Amino acid sequence: MMQDNGFGGLSLAQDLPDSQDSFAELWGNVVPLPLNLSMEHDESWPAGNMVALLNPDALADGFDEELFELPPEASTADGVTPPASTVPVTSDHPGEFGFQLRFQKSGTAKSVTSTYSEILNKLYCQLAKTSLIEVLVTKELPLGALLRATAVYKKSDHVAEVVRRCPHHQKEDAADHSSHLIRVEGSQRAQYFEDPNTKRQSVTVPYELPQLGTEMTTILLSFMCNSSCMGGMNRRPILTILTLETPEGHVLGRRCFEVRVCACPGRDRKSEEIKSKTQMGTKQTTKRKNTPPAPTPNTSEKKSKSASSAEEEDKDVFVLRVRGRERYEWLKKVNDGLELMDRVGKSKPPVTVKHEAAVAAPSSGKRLLLRGERSDSE
């Protein structure tokens, strides 16, 4: 027969009187066992002594402290975008690492697919054509640093809207990130994100160390929609924000430039640079016109000053040393004549001479003779 187990000397097969008092007495002597403790008798639990279960030391030995601890949250997986601000900052910030961008110099020829204007800080490129951007830093970056490219509208009227591709180009693209305007070419490690709060789209690529003999690394960007596409940018100017970040999403540096996606980048760059220079010249001319002219001295004051200065100079006496008697006599006669002219000029009033009006010569034919003149034939 199966042996009956007991709790504290109380047999399970014992007949109990049918009364409330006996059940209450039994329930008061029963203590629930811990989950990880065996029901079998142990040396730490003397047989027939249920009070041993209430010993704190006995409970501490078999209690798992990590039983009620929540499991640690899953580590941030690759591709989780840090929370973005509602209005992205578009000002340049090189940071402590001296973050800089350089663009390939390609001129303004009509055949170029991508060209950059230093005057306007603007990139002109064709649809889905690769643009080379060189990244330069002055010191070593933290491990796992990455580059993030985000497109925003330039004007304040549209800055709250998300820059997306037009519906026409989205339908033609079978990629999972077909709505993203900016693509990273040549890297299988590029990741595309959409912020759950602002819905802004961005693409990241790990920062690669410069190759031997160079001081910069190159990334390849392409823009997958024209600036004039209806339903997309719709001729609204956009800015591309390129940020240097840590794996946790902390910004180490930021650069911003304007982008125009068009059919002829060289022609558009040339025309916009000429227009910008013309506007700058017009502004300078307007400033000069608005500047009040410097006060000019009165003409009468000028004349009086010049006359007084001439009189003061005439009163000065100079001594001239002359070698030779004959030369001295000659210079003395010249000086005496000048002195006489001064005395005569001061005593007589000035005489005005009336000139006869000149007679205009005829355009053709013989010249008119004045009174007293003789003809050439005479």
Protein backbone atom coordinates (compact mmCIF):
# COMPACT_ATOMS: atom_id res chain seq x y z
CA MET A 1 0.00 0.00 0.00
CA MET A 2 1.02 3.52 -0.63
CA GLN A 3 2.44 5.22 2.42
CA ASP A 4 0.52 8.29 3.47
CA ASN A 5 2.54 11.45 3.75
CA GLY A 6 1.91 13.81 6.62
CA PHE A 7 2.37 17.43 7.50
CA GLY A 8 3.76 17.92 11.01
CA GLY A 9 2.64 14.51 12.25
CA LEU A 10 -0.91 14.98 10.91
CA SER A 11 -1.97 12.08 8.74
CA LEU A 12 -3.85 12.76 5.55
CA ALA A 13 -6.00 9.70 6.18
CA GLN A 14 -6.99 10.80 9.66
CA ASP A 15 -10.68 11.25 10.16
CA LEU A 16 -11.57 14.78 11.12
CA PRO A 17 -14.66 15.75 12.98
CA ASP A 18 -17.14 17.60 10.84
CA SER A 19 -16.89 20.98 12.57
CA GLN A 20 -15.72 24.52 11.71
CA ASP A 21 -13.36 24.59 14.70
CA SER A 22 -11.39 21.55 13.61
CA PHE A 23 -10.97 22.93 10.04
CA ALA A 24 -9.76 26.30 11.33
CA GLU A 25 -7.24 24.57 13.58
CA LEU A 26 -5.96 22.48 10.66
CA TRP A 27 -5.71 25.52 8.30
CA GLY A 28 -3.74 27.46 10.88
CA ASN A 29 -1.08 24.73 11.07
CA VAL A 30 -0.62 24.51 7.28
CA VAL A 31 2.03 26.77 5.70
CA PRO A 32 2.47 26.80 1.86
CA LEU A 33 5.78 25.52 0.60
CA PRO A 34 8.11 27.77 -1.50
CA LEU A 35 8.17 27.05 -5.20
CA ASN A 36 11.75 25.86 -5.32
CA LEU A 37 11.66 23.79 -2.08
CA SER A 38 10.98 20.05 -2.10
CA MET A 39 8.14 18.58 -0.11
CA GLU A 40 10.41 15.82 1.13
CA HIS A 41 11.85 16.00 4.62
CA ASP A 42 15.27 17.66 4.81
CA GLU A 43 17.77 18.15 7.60
CA SER A 44 16.97 21.89 7.62
CA TRP A 45 13.29 21.02 8.12
CA PRO A 46 12.89 18.80 11.18
CA ALA A 47 10.08 16.36 10.90
CA GLY A 48 6.95 17.49 12.60
CA ASN A 49 8.10 21.10 12.98
CA MET A 50 6.23 23.37 10.50
CA VAL A 51 7.56 26.49 12.22
CA ALA A 52 10.88 25.98 10.40
CA LEU A 53 9.29 27.31 7.21
CA LEU A 54 8.96 30.74 8.81
CA ASN A 55 12.69 30.97 9.47
CA PRO A 56 14.10 33.91 7.33
CA ASP A 57 17.42 32.16 6.88
CA ALA A 58 15.77 29.11 5.44
CA LEU A 59 13.72 31.22 3.02
CA ALA A 60 16.76 33.28 1.96
CA ASP A 61 18.76 30.19 1.05
CA GLY A 62 16.26 28.97 -1.50
CA PHE A 63 14.80 32.31 -2.73
CA ASP A 64 15.73 33.48 -6.22
CA GLU A 65 16.31 37.25 -6.07
CA GLU A 66 15.99 37.60 -9.85
CA LEU A 67 12.57 35.98 -9.89
CA PHE A 68 10.63 39.25 -9.97
CA GLU A 69 13.14 41.29 -12.03
CA LEU A 70 12.01 42.28 -15.48
CA PRO A 71 14.14 40.98 -18.34
CA PRO A 72 16.47 43.63 -19.79
CA GLU A 73 15.14 45.45 -22.82
CA ALA A 74 16.36 44.29 -26.12
CA SER A 75 19.38 46.25 -27.31
CA THR A 76 18.79 48.87 -29.92
CA ALA A 77 18.85 47.08 -33.22
CA ASP A 78 20.67 48.44 -36.22
CA GLY A 79 18.40 50.69 -38.17
CA VAL A 80 16.43 52.31 -35.32
CA THR A 81 16.37 56.05 -35.95
CA PRO A 82 16.90 58.36 -32.96
CA PRO A 83 14.10 60.87 -32.36
CA ALA A 84 14.35 63.79 -34.79
CA SER A 85 13.42 67.41 -34.17
CA THR A 86 10.27 68.83 -35.75
CA VAL A 87 12.19 71.59 -37.56
CA PRO A 88 15.70 70.41 -38.55
CA VAL A 89 18.61 72.79 -38.09
CA THR A 90 20.13 73.91 -41.41
CA SER A 91 23.13 75.90 -40.16
CA ASP A 92 26.66 74.54 -40.61
CA HIS A 93 28.44 73.19 -37.53
CA PRO A 94 31.87 71.60 -38.08
CA GLY A 95 32.10 70.51 -34.42
CA GLU A 96 35.23 69.39 -32.63
CA PHE A 97 36.14 67.04 -35.48
CA GLY A 98 36.24 69.78 -38.16
CA PHE A 99 33.55 68.20 -40.34
CA GLN A 100 33.80 69.53 -43.93
CA LEU A 101 32.45 68.70 -47.39
CA ARG A 102 34.10 69.04 -50.77
CA PHE A 103 32.51 68.67 -54.19
CA GLN A 104 34.03 67.60 -57.47
CA LYS A 105 34.86 70.52 -59.77
CA SER A 106 33.16 69.85 -63.09
CA GLY A 107 32.51 73.32 -64.59
CA THR A 108 29.36 74.52 -66.34
CA ALA A 109 29.47 72.51 -69.56
CA LYS A 110 26.15 71.23 -70.87
CA SER A 111 27.38 67.63 -70.79
CA VAL A 112 28.04 67.48 -67.02
CA THR A 113 25.63 65.42 -64.91
CA SER A 114 26.55 67.03 -61.59
CA THR A 115 28.17 70.36 -60.73
CA TYR A 116 28.53 72.47 -57.59
CA SER A 117 28.42 76.27 -57.27
CA GLU A 118 30.62 77.68 -54.50
CA ILE A 119 29.03 81.11 -54.95
CA LEU A 120 25.51 79.81 -54.24
CA ASN A 121 26.45 76.75 -52.10
CA LYS A 122 24.22 74.75 -54.40
CA LEU A 123 24.49 71.34 -56.06
CA TYR A 124 23.03 70.90 -59.56
CA CYS A 125 22.51 67.31 -60.72
CA GLN A 126 20.45 65.18 -63.06
CA LEU A 127 17.80 62.69 -62.02
CA ALA A 128 19.27 59.43 -60.61
CA LYS A 129 22.83 60.49 -61.49
CA THR A 130 25.61 59.97 -58.95
CA SER A 131 27.16 62.99 -57.22
CA LEU A 132 30.53 62.59 -55.52
CA ILE A 133 30.83 64.24 -52.10
CA GLU A 134 34.12 64.15 -50.20
CA VAL A 135 34.01 64.08 -46.39
CA LEU A 136 36.92 65.53 -44.43
CA VAL A 137 37.57 65.46 -40.65
CA THR A 138 40.54 66.75 -38.67
CA LYS A 139 40.71 64.05 -35.97
CA GLU A 140 39.81 60.41 -35.48
CA LEU A 141 36.10 59.72 -35.05
CA PRO A 142 34.50 57.41 -32.46
CA LEU A 143 34.07 53.80 -33.46
CA GLY A 144 30.93 53.17 -35.48
CA ALA A 145 30.39 56.78 -36.64
CA LEU A 146 27.98 57.19 -39.52
CA LEU A 147 26.78 59.79 -42.03
CA ARG A 148 23.09 60.69 -42.36
CA ALA A 149 21.52 62.54 -45.32
CA THR A 150 18.13 64.24 -44.91
CA ALA A 151 16.21 66.44 -47.35
CA VAL A 152 14.10 69.40 -46.15
CA TYR A 153 12.35 72.26 -47.91
CA LYS A 154 14.25 75.56 -47.87
CA LYS A 155 11.41 78.09 -47.49
CA SER A 156 9.67 78.51 -44.16
CA ASP A 157 6.27 78.05 -45.83
CA HIS A 158 7.05 74.41 -46.63
CA VAL A 159 9.68 73.42 -44.04
CA ALA A 160 7.12 71.43 -42.00
CA GLU A 161 6.30 69.19 -44.99
CA VAL A 162 8.19 65.96 -45.67
CA VAL A 163 10.23 65.78 -48.88
CA ARG A 164 9.13 62.74 -50.86
CA ARG A 165 9.29 61.53 -54.43
CA CYS A 166 6.39 62.21 -56.73
CA PRO A 167 3.81 59.38 -57.17
CA HIS A 168 4.87 58.81 -60.78
CA HIS A 169 8.50 57.99 -59.93
CA GLN A 170 7.44 55.95 -56.89
CA LYS A 171 5.34 53.63 -59.04
CA GLU A 172 8.21 53.04 -61.44
CA ASP A 173 10.54 51.96 -58.60
CA ALA A 174 10.18 48.47 -57.10
CA ALA A 175 12.56 49.08 -54.17
CA ASP A 176 11.34 48.95 -50.59
CA HIS A 177 12.42 52.56 -50.08
CA SER A 178 10.82 53.86 -53.28
CA SER A 179 9.47 57.00 -51.58
CA HIS A 180 12.95 58.19 -50.48
CA LEU A 181 14.38 61.06 -52.50
CA ILE A 182 18.05 60.57 -51.51
CA ARG A 183 19.83 57.31 -52.28
CA VAL A 184 23.33 56.15 -51.31
CA GLU A 185 25.06 54.37 -54.18
CA GLY A 186 27.88 51.85 -54.04
CA SER A 187 27.32 50.67 -50.45
CA GLN A 188 25.41 47.60 -49.28
CA ARG A 189 25.45 48.93 -45.70
CA ALA A 190 23.19 51.89 -46.44
CA GLN A 191 20.01 51.95 -44.35
CA TYR A 192 16.83 53.92 -44.97
CA PHE A 193 14.70 55.29 -42.14
CA GLU A 194 11.44 57.12 -41.57
CA ASP A 195 11.02 58.85 -38.23
CA PRO A 196 7.81 57.62 -36.52
CA ASN A 197 7.04 61.09 -35.11
CA THR A 198 7.93 63.55 -37.89
CA LYS A 199 7.73 61.05 -40.82
CA ARG A 200 10.93 62.58 -42.23
CA GLN A 201 13.01 60.22 -44.32
CA SER A 202 16.77 59.80 -44.15
CA VAL A 203 19.51 57.45 -45.25
CA THR A 204 22.65 56.49 -43.32
CA VAL A 205 25.95 54.95 -44.31
CA PRO A 206 28.87 54.02 -42.03
CA TYR A 207 31.84 56.37 -42.10
CA GLU A 208 34.84 54.74 -43.73
CA LEU A 209 38.42 55.71 -42.93
CA PRO A 210 40.32 57.47 -45.73
CA GLN A 211 42.38 55.22 -47.92
CA LEU A 212 46.16 55.31 -47.92
CA GLY A 213 47.53 58.54 -49.37
CA THR A 214 44.28 60.53 -48.96
CA GLU A 215 42.81 62.60 -46.16
CA MET A 216 39.13 62.24 -47.01
CA THR A 217 36.49 59.64 -47.72
CA THR A 218 33.95 59.75 -50.56
CA ILE A 219 30.23 59.02 -50.52
CA LEU A 220 27.96 58.74 -53.56
CA LEU A 221 24.52 60.35 -53.45
CA SER A 222 21.80 60.37 -56.06
CA PHE A 223 18.47 62.23 -56.11
CA MET A 224 15.56 60.25 -57.48
CA CYS A 225 13.09 62.98 -58.49
CA ASN A 226 13.27 66.23 -60.47
CA SER A 227 12.75 69.53 -58.71
CA SER A 228 9.90 70.30 -61.12
CA CYS A 229 7.94 67.06 -60.57
CA MET A 230 4.25 67.61 -59.82
CA GLY A 231 3.15 65.93 -56.61
CA GLY A 232 6.71 65.94 -55.32
CA MET A 233 9.01 68.94 -54.86
CA ASN A 234 6.93 70.91 -57.39
CA ARG A 235 9.64 73.58 -58.01
CA ARG A 236 10.12 74.17 -54.31
CA PRO A 237 13.83 74.54 -53.38
CA ILE A 238 15.23 71.92 -51.03
CA LEU A 239 18.23 71.62 -48.74
CA THR A 240 20.25 68.50 -48.01
CA ILE A 241 21.47 68.15 -44.42
CA LEU A 242 24.49 65.87 -44.03
CA THR A 243 25.22 65.05 -40.39
CA LEU A 244 28.06 63.13 -38.78
CA GLU A 245 26.67 61.03 -35.91
CA THR A 246 27.60 58.42 -33.34
CA PRO A 247 25.86 55.02 -33.32
CA GLU A 248 23.63 56.35 -30.52
CA GLY A 249 22.47 59.26 -32.68
CA HIS A 250 24.51 62.10 -31.15
CA VAL A 251 25.41 64.71 -33.79
CA LEU A 252 29.16 65.38 -34.12
CA GLY A 253 28.99 67.78 -37.07
CA ARG A 254 26.57 69.16 -39.64
CA ARG A 255 26.79 70.58 -43.16
CA CYS A 256 23.97 71.87 -45.37
CA PHE A 257 23.72 72.73 -49.08
CA GLU A 258 20.96 73.45 -51.58
CA VAL A 259 20.11 70.95 -54.32
CA ARG A 260 18.45 71.40 -57.71
CA VAL A 261 17.63 68.30 -59.75
CA CYS A 262 17.26 69.31 -63.41
CA ALA A 263 17.90 68.18 -66.97
CA CYS A 264 20.88 70.51 -67.66
CA PRO A 265 22.87 71.23 -64.49
CA GLY A 266 25.65 73.20 -66.20
CA ARG A 267 23.27 75.59 -67.95
CA ASP A 268 21.16 76.20 -64.84
CA ARG A 269 24.20 76.82 -62.67
CA LYS A 270 25.63 79.34 -65.12
CA SER A 271 22.37 81.27 -65.49
CA GLU A 272 21.71 81.39 -61.73
CA GLU A 273 25.26 82.57 -60.97
CA ILE A 274 24.90 85.40 -63.52
CA LYS A 275 21.55 86.35 -62.02
CA SER A 276 23.04 86.36 -58.51
CA LYS A 277 25.94 88.59 -59.55
CA THR A 278 23.53 90.99 -61.26
CA GLN A 279 21.38 91.21 -58.14
CA MET A 280 24.44 91.84 -55.98
CA GLY A 281 25.55 94.65 -58.31
CA THR A 282 22.07 96.19 -58.21
CA LYS A 283 22.06 96.11 -54.42
CA GLN A 284 25.45 97.84 -54.26
CA THR A 285 24.27 100.53 -56.69
CA THR A 286 21.13 101.09 -54.61
CA LYS A 287 23.23 101.46 -51.48
CA ARG A 288 25.40 104.08 -53.19
CA LYS A 289 22.33 106.01 -54.30
CA ASN A 290 20.82 105.94 -50.84
CA THR A 291 24.04 107.18 -49.24
CA PRO A 292 23.78 110.99 -48.73
CA PRO A 293 26.43 112.92 -50.71
CA ALA A 294 29.23 114.56 -48.79
CA PRO A 295 28.68 118.33 -48.29
CA THR A 296 30.61 120.34 -50.90
CA PRO A 297 32.08 123.72 -49.92
CA ASN A 298 30.50 126.82 -51.44
CA THR A 299 32.03 128.13 -54.69
CA SER A 300 32.29 131.66 -53.35
CA GLU A 301 34.16 130.36 -50.31
CA LYS A 302 36.56 128.55 -52.61
CA LYS A 303 37.20 131.71 -54.60
CA SER A 304 37.68 133.85 -51.50
CA LYS A 305 40.11 131.32 -50.04
CA SER A 306 42.08 131.11 -53.28
CA ALA A 307 42.17 134.91 -53.63
CA SER A 308 43.32 135.44 -50.07
CA SER A 309 45.99 132.78 -50.42
CA ALA A 310 47.22 134.43 -53.66
CA GLU A 311 47.42 137.85 -51.98
CA GLU A 312 49.37 136.37 -49.08
CA GLU A 313 51.80 134.78 -51.52
CA ASP A 314 52.25 138.13 -53.38
CA LYS A 315 53.25 139.85 -50.15
CA ASP A 316 56.10 137.42 -49.54
CA VAL A 317 59.61 138.68 -50.48
CA PHE A 318 62.23 136.29 -51.86
CA VAL A 319 65.96 136.79 -52.40
CA LEU A 320 67.46 135.38 -55.61
CA ARG A 321 71.19 135.03 -55.96
CA VAL A 322 72.37 135.67 -59.55
CA ARG A 323 75.85 135.09 -60.93
CA GLY A 324 77.07 137.71 -63.46
CA ARG A 325 76.30 141.42 -63.80
CA GLU A 326 74.59 141.19 -67.14
CA ARG A 327 72.20 138.47 -66.00
CA TYR A 328 71.40 140.46 -62.90
CA GLU A 329 70.54 143.58 -64.92
CA TRP A 330 68.27 141.58 -67.19
CA LEU A 331 66.37 139.92 -64.33
CA LYS A 332 66.12 143.31 -62.60
CA LYS A 333 64.42 144.85 -65.65
CA VAL A 334 61.92 141.94 -65.72
CA ASN A 335 61.13 142.44 -62.04
CA ASP A 336 60.72 146.19 -62.47
CA GLY A 337 58.29 145.65 -65.34
CA LEU A 338 56.19 143.23 -63.27
CA GLU A 339 56.08 145.70 -60.39
CA LEU A 340 54.92 148.45 -62.75
CA MET A 341 52.15 146.24 -64.13
CA ASP A 342 50.89 145.56 -60.61
CA ARG A 343 50.74 149.26 -59.75
CA VAL A 344 48.95 150.18 -63.02
CA GLY A 345 46.47 147.31 -62.64
CA LYS A 346 45.46 148.40 -59.15
CA SER A 347 44.91 152.06 -60.14
CA LYS A 348 42.70 151.44 -63.27
CA PRO A 349 39.34 149.65 -63.26
CA PRO A 350 39.11 146.43 -65.31
CA VAL A 351 38.06 146.93 -68.94
CA THR A 352 35.71 144.43 -70.57
CA VAL A 353 36.30 143.70 -74.25
CA LYS A 354 33.29 142.99 -76.41
CA HIS A 355 33.91 140.37 -79.03
CA GLU A 356 31.96 140.32 -82.23
CA ALA A 357 29.65 137.44 -82.57
CA ALA A 358 31.07 134.75 -84.75
CA VAL A 359 29.17 134.19 -87.93
CA ALA A 360 28.39 130.60 -88.60
CA ALA A 361 29.83 129.35 -91.86
CA PRO A 362 27.38 127.83 -94.33
CA SER A 363 27.35 124.07 -94.62
CA SER A 364 28.17 124.28 -98.33
CA GLY A 365 29.20 126.91 -100.88
CA LYS A 366 31.46 129.94 -100.38
CA ARG A 367 32.44 131.27 -97.00
CA LEU A 368 30.76 134.52 -95.90
CA LEU A 369 33.06 137.55 -95.74
CA LEU A 370 33.22 139.76 -92.71
CA ARG A 371 33.46 143.53 -92.92
CA GLY A 372 36.93 144.58 -94.05
CA GLU A 373 37.87 141.18 -95.44
CA ARG A 374 38.90 140.59 -99.02
CA SER A 375 38.12 137.57 -101.11
CA ASP A 376 40.86 135.16 -102.14
CA SER A 377 40.36 136.03 -105.82
CA GLU A 378 41.36 139.62 -105.16
